[in-house]
Amino acid sequence: LENLDFLKDEILQNTPLILDANCFLSEALLWYLNRKDIVITPHPKEFIKLYKMCFDENLDIETLQKNRFFYARKFSQNYDCVLVLKGANPIIAQKEKLFVVNLGNQALAKG
């Protein structure tokens, strides 16, 4: 789903959406990050690509994993959408508020 033109559809402009997978490869995603009714769900590698597009800064997996709260908060300070940063304990971030989901199990990690 690298082409996000479908989001321009009038019906979808007023519909809450969850965006995942290859949409994080498209710079068109940047147009939608300030919608409060959009939830994005990147895993760490996808978040690094998204972070580069948003902030024009390089980030590596090790730095992200050591500082997940910092980067989730930084992202949420700049964008209105809900971020669900996937990982062993997913972080949900919106408007500088962070929540950690610690109820998952290994079955949720299967792709």
C-alpha atoms as a PDB file:
ATOM      1  CA  LEU A   1       0.000   0.000   0.000  1.00  0.00           C
ATOM      2  CA  GLU A   2       2.603   2.508  -1.067  1.00  0.00           C
ATOM      3  CA  ASN A   3       0.065   4.700  -2.872  1.00  0.00           C
ATOM      4  CA  LEU A   4      -2.103   6.603  -0.408  1.00  0.00           C
ATOM      5  CA  ASP A   5      -4.278   8.309  -3.022  1.00  0.00           C
ATOM      6  CA  PHE A   6      -7.237   6.300  -1.740  1.00  0.00           C
ATOM      7  CA  LEU A   7      -7.192   8.505   1.392  1.00  0.00           C
ATOM      8  CA  LYS A   8      -8.322  11.429  -0.734  1.00  0.00           C
ATOM      9  CA  ASP A   9     -11.676   9.698  -1.172  1.00  0.00           C
ATOM     10  CA  GLU A  10     -14.347  11.912   0.395  1.00  0.00           C
ATOM     11  CA  ILE A  11     -15.721   9.083   2.540  1.00  0.00           C
ATOM     12  CA  LEU A  12     -12.292   8.274   3.982  1.00  0.00           C
ATOM     13  CA  GLN A  13     -11.556  11.908   4.801  1.00  0.00           C
ATOM     14  CA  ASN A  14     -14.065  11.673   7.639  1.00  0.00           C
ATOM     15  CA  THR A  15     -13.430   8.071   8.678  1.00  0.00           C
ATOM     16  CA  PRO A  16     -11.063   6.913  11.430  1.00  0.00           C
ATOM     17  CA  LEU A  17      -8.271   4.825   9.914  1.00  0.00           C
ATOM     18  CA  ILE A  18      -5.518   2.457  10.998  1.00  0.00           C
ATOM     19  CA  LEU A  19      -2.477   2.585   8.724  1.00  0.00           C
ATOM     20  CA  ASP A  20       0.150  -0.145   8.691  1.00  0.00           C
ATOM     21  CA  ALA A  21       2.713  -1.890   6.498  1.00  0.00           C
ATOM     22  CA  ASN A  22       4.084  -0.297   3.333  1.00  0.00           C
ATOM     23  CA  CYS A  23       2.302   3.013   3.810  1.00  0.00           C
ATOM     24  CA  PHE A  24       5.334   4.028   5.917  1.00  0.00           C
ATOM     25  CA  LEU A  25       7.394   4.028   2.721  1.00  0.00           C
ATOM     26  CA  SER A  26       5.300   6.791   1.158  1.00  0.00           C
ATOM     27  CA  GLU A  27       6.016  10.457   1.784  1.00  0.00           C
ATOM     28  CA  ALA A  28       2.322  11.019   1.053  1.00  0.00           C
ATOM     29  CA  LEU A  29       1.718   9.708   4.578  1.00  0.00           C
ATOM     30  CA  LEU A  30       3.068  12.993   5.965  1.00  0.00           C
ATOM     31  CA  TRP A  31      -0.121  14.746   4.829  1.00  0.00           C
ATOM     32  CA  TYR A  32      -2.218  12.580   7.146  1.00  0.00           C
ATOM     33  CA  LEU A  33      -0.175  12.557  10.353  1.00  0.00           C
ATOM     34  CA  ASN A  34      -2.034  15.510  11.847  1.00  0.00           C
ATOM     35  CA  ARG A  35      -5.399  13.777  11.752  1.00  0.00           C
ATOM     36  CA  LYS A  36      -6.428  12.810  15.282  1.00  0.00           C
ATOM     37  CA  ASP A  37      -8.537   9.958  13.903  1.00  0.00           C
ATOM     38  CA  ILE A  38      -5.628   8.117  12.282  1.00  0.00           C
ATOM     39  CA  VAL A  39      -3.687   5.393  14.083  1.00  0.00           C
ATOM     40  CA  ILE A  40      -0.313   4.360  12.686  1.00  0.00           C
ATOM     41  CA  THR A  41       1.265   1.076  13.766  1.00  0.00           C
ATOM     42  CA  PRO A  42       4.915   0.865  12.693  1.00  0.00           C
ATOM     43  CA  HIS A  43       7.343  -1.769  13.891  1.00  0.00           C
ATOM     44  CA  PRO A  44      10.807  -0.344  14.709  1.00  0.00           C
ATOM     45  CA  LYS A  45      12.243  -0.557  11.158  1.00  0.00           C
ATOM     46  CA  GLU A  46       9.157   1.149   9.723  1.00  0.00           C
ATOM     47  CA  PHE A  47       9.309   3.803  12.439  1.00  0.00           C
ATOM     48  CA  ILE A  48      12.924   4.572  11.499  1.00  0.00           C
ATOM     49  CA  LYS A  49      11.863   5.219   7.885  1.00  0.00           C
ATOM     50  CA  LEU A  50       8.941   7.338   9.057  1.00  0.00           C
ATOM     51  CA  TYR A  51      11.179   9.259  11.478  1.00  0.00           C
ATOM     52  CA  LYS A  52      13.633  10.038   8.662  1.00  0.00           C
ATOM     53  CA  MET A  53      10.788  11.405   6.511  1.00  0.00           C
ATOM     54  CA  CYS A  54       9.339  13.465   9.361  1.00  0.00           C
ATOM     55  CA  PHE A  55      12.479  14.910  10.909  1.00  0.00           C
ATOM     56  CA  ASP A  56      15.142  14.456   8.211  1.00  0.00           C
ATOM     57  CA  GLU A  57      17.340  12.771  10.828  1.00  0.00           C
ATOM     58  CA  ASN A  58      18.936   9.346  10.716  1.00  0.00           C
ATOM     59  CA  LEU A  59      18.040   6.869  13.427  1.00  0.00           C
ATOM     60  CA  ASP A  60      19.234   3.294  13.905  1.00  0.00           C
ATOM     61  CA  ILE A  61      17.494   0.339  15.549  1.00  0.00           C
ATOM     62  CA  GLU A  62      19.815   0.213  18.554  1.00  0.00           C
ATOM     63  CA  THR A  63      19.314   3.903  19.373  1.00  0.00           C
ATOM     64  CA  LEU A  64      15.559   3.620  18.919  1.00  0.00           C
ATOM     65  CA  GLN A  65      15.287   0.517  21.097  1.00  0.00           C
ATOM     66  CA  LYS A  66      17.311   2.131  23.896  1.00  0.00           C
ATOM     67  CA  ASN A  67      15.237   5.333  23.731  1.00  0.00           C
ATOM     68  CA  ARG A  68      11.750   4.226  22.652  1.00  0.00           C
ATOM     69  CA  PHE A  69       9.965   6.588  25.036  1.00  0.00           C
ATOM     70  CA  PHE A  70      12.012   9.581  23.880  1.00  0.00           C
ATOM     71  CA  TYR A  71      11.330   8.988  20.182  1.00  0.00           C
ATOM     72  CA  ALA A  72       7.645   8.140  20.671  1.00  0.00           C
ATOM     73  CA  ARG A  73       7.205  11.333  22.699  1.00  0.00           C
ATOM     74  CA  LYS A  74       9.127  13.424  20.158  1.00  0.00           C
ATOM     75  CA  PHE A  75       6.938  12.105  17.376  1.00  0.00           C
ATOM     76  CA  SER A  76       3.751  12.763  19.334  1.00  0.00           C
ATOM     77  CA  GLN A  77       4.832  16.332  20.121  1.00  0.00           C
ATOM     78  CA  ASN A  78       4.849  17.063  16.412  1.00  0.00           C
ATOM     79  CA  TYR A  79       1.911  15.067  15.034  1.00  0.00           C
ATOM     80  CA  ASP A  80      -1.704  14.578  16.134  1.00  0.00           C
ATOM     81  CA  CYS A  81      -2.196  10.987  14.987  1.00  0.00           C
ATOM     82  CA  VAL A  82      -1.991   8.079  17.404  1.00  0.00           C
ATOM     83  CA  LEU A  83       1.315   6.217  17.242  1.00  0.00           C
ATOM     84  CA  VAL A  84       1.447   2.547  18.226  1.00  0.00           C
ATOM     85  CA  LEU A  85       5.155   1.741  18.202  1.00  0.00           C
ATOM     86  CA  LYS A  86       5.296  -2.035  18.001  1.00  0.00           C
ATOM     87  CA  GLY A  87       7.715  -4.053  20.090  1.00  0.00           C
ATOM     88  CA  ALA A  88       7.841  -6.392  23.083  1.00  0.00           C
ATOM     89  CA  ASN A  89       5.798  -3.812  25.002  1.00  0.00           C
ATOM     90  CA  PRO A  90       4.102  -1.578  22.421  1.00  0.00           C
ATOM     91  CA  ILE A  91       4.031   2.134  23.173  1.00  0.00           C
ATOM     92  CA  ILE A  92       0.896   4.104  22.377  1.00  0.00           C
ATOM     93  CA  ALA A  93       1.605   7.825  22.027  1.00  0.00           C
ATOM     94  CA  GLN A  94      -0.543  10.852  21.287  1.00  0.00           C
ATOM     95  CA  LYS A  95       0.092  14.468  22.191  1.00  0.00           C
ATOM     96  CA  GLU A  96       3.019  13.638  24.483  1.00  0.00           C
ATOM     97  CA  LYS A  97       0.991  11.082  26.464  1.00  0.00           C
ATOM     98  CA  LEU A  98       2.549   7.626  26.492  1.00  0.00           C
ATOM     99  CA  PHE A  99       0.969   4.315  27.401  1.00  0.00           C
ATOM    100  CA  VAL A 100       2.779   0.975  27.540  1.00  0.00           C
ATOM    101  CA  VAL A 101       0.907  -2.210  26.680  1.00  0.00           C
ATOM    102  CA  ASN A 102       2.361  -5.007  28.786  1.00  0.00           C
ATOM    103  CA  LEU A 103      -0.421  -7.546  28.309  1.00  0.00           C
ATOM    104  CA  GLY A 104       0.736  -9.158  25.078  1.00  0.00           C
ATOM    105  CA  ASN A 105       2.190 -12.581  24.443  1.00  0.00           C
ATOM    106  CA  GLN A 106       4.480 -14.186  21.859  1.00  0.00           C
ATOM    107  CA  ALA A 107       1.570 -15.021  19.559  1.00  0.00           C
ATOM    108  CA  LEU A 108       1.186 -11.311  18.819  1.00  0.00           C
ATOM    109  CA  ALA A 109       4.735 -11.161  17.420  1.00  0.00           C
ATOM    110  CA  LYS A 110       4.052 -13.533  14.517  1.00  0.00           C
ATOM    111  CA  GLY A 111       4.018 -11.886  11.100  1.00  0.00           C
END
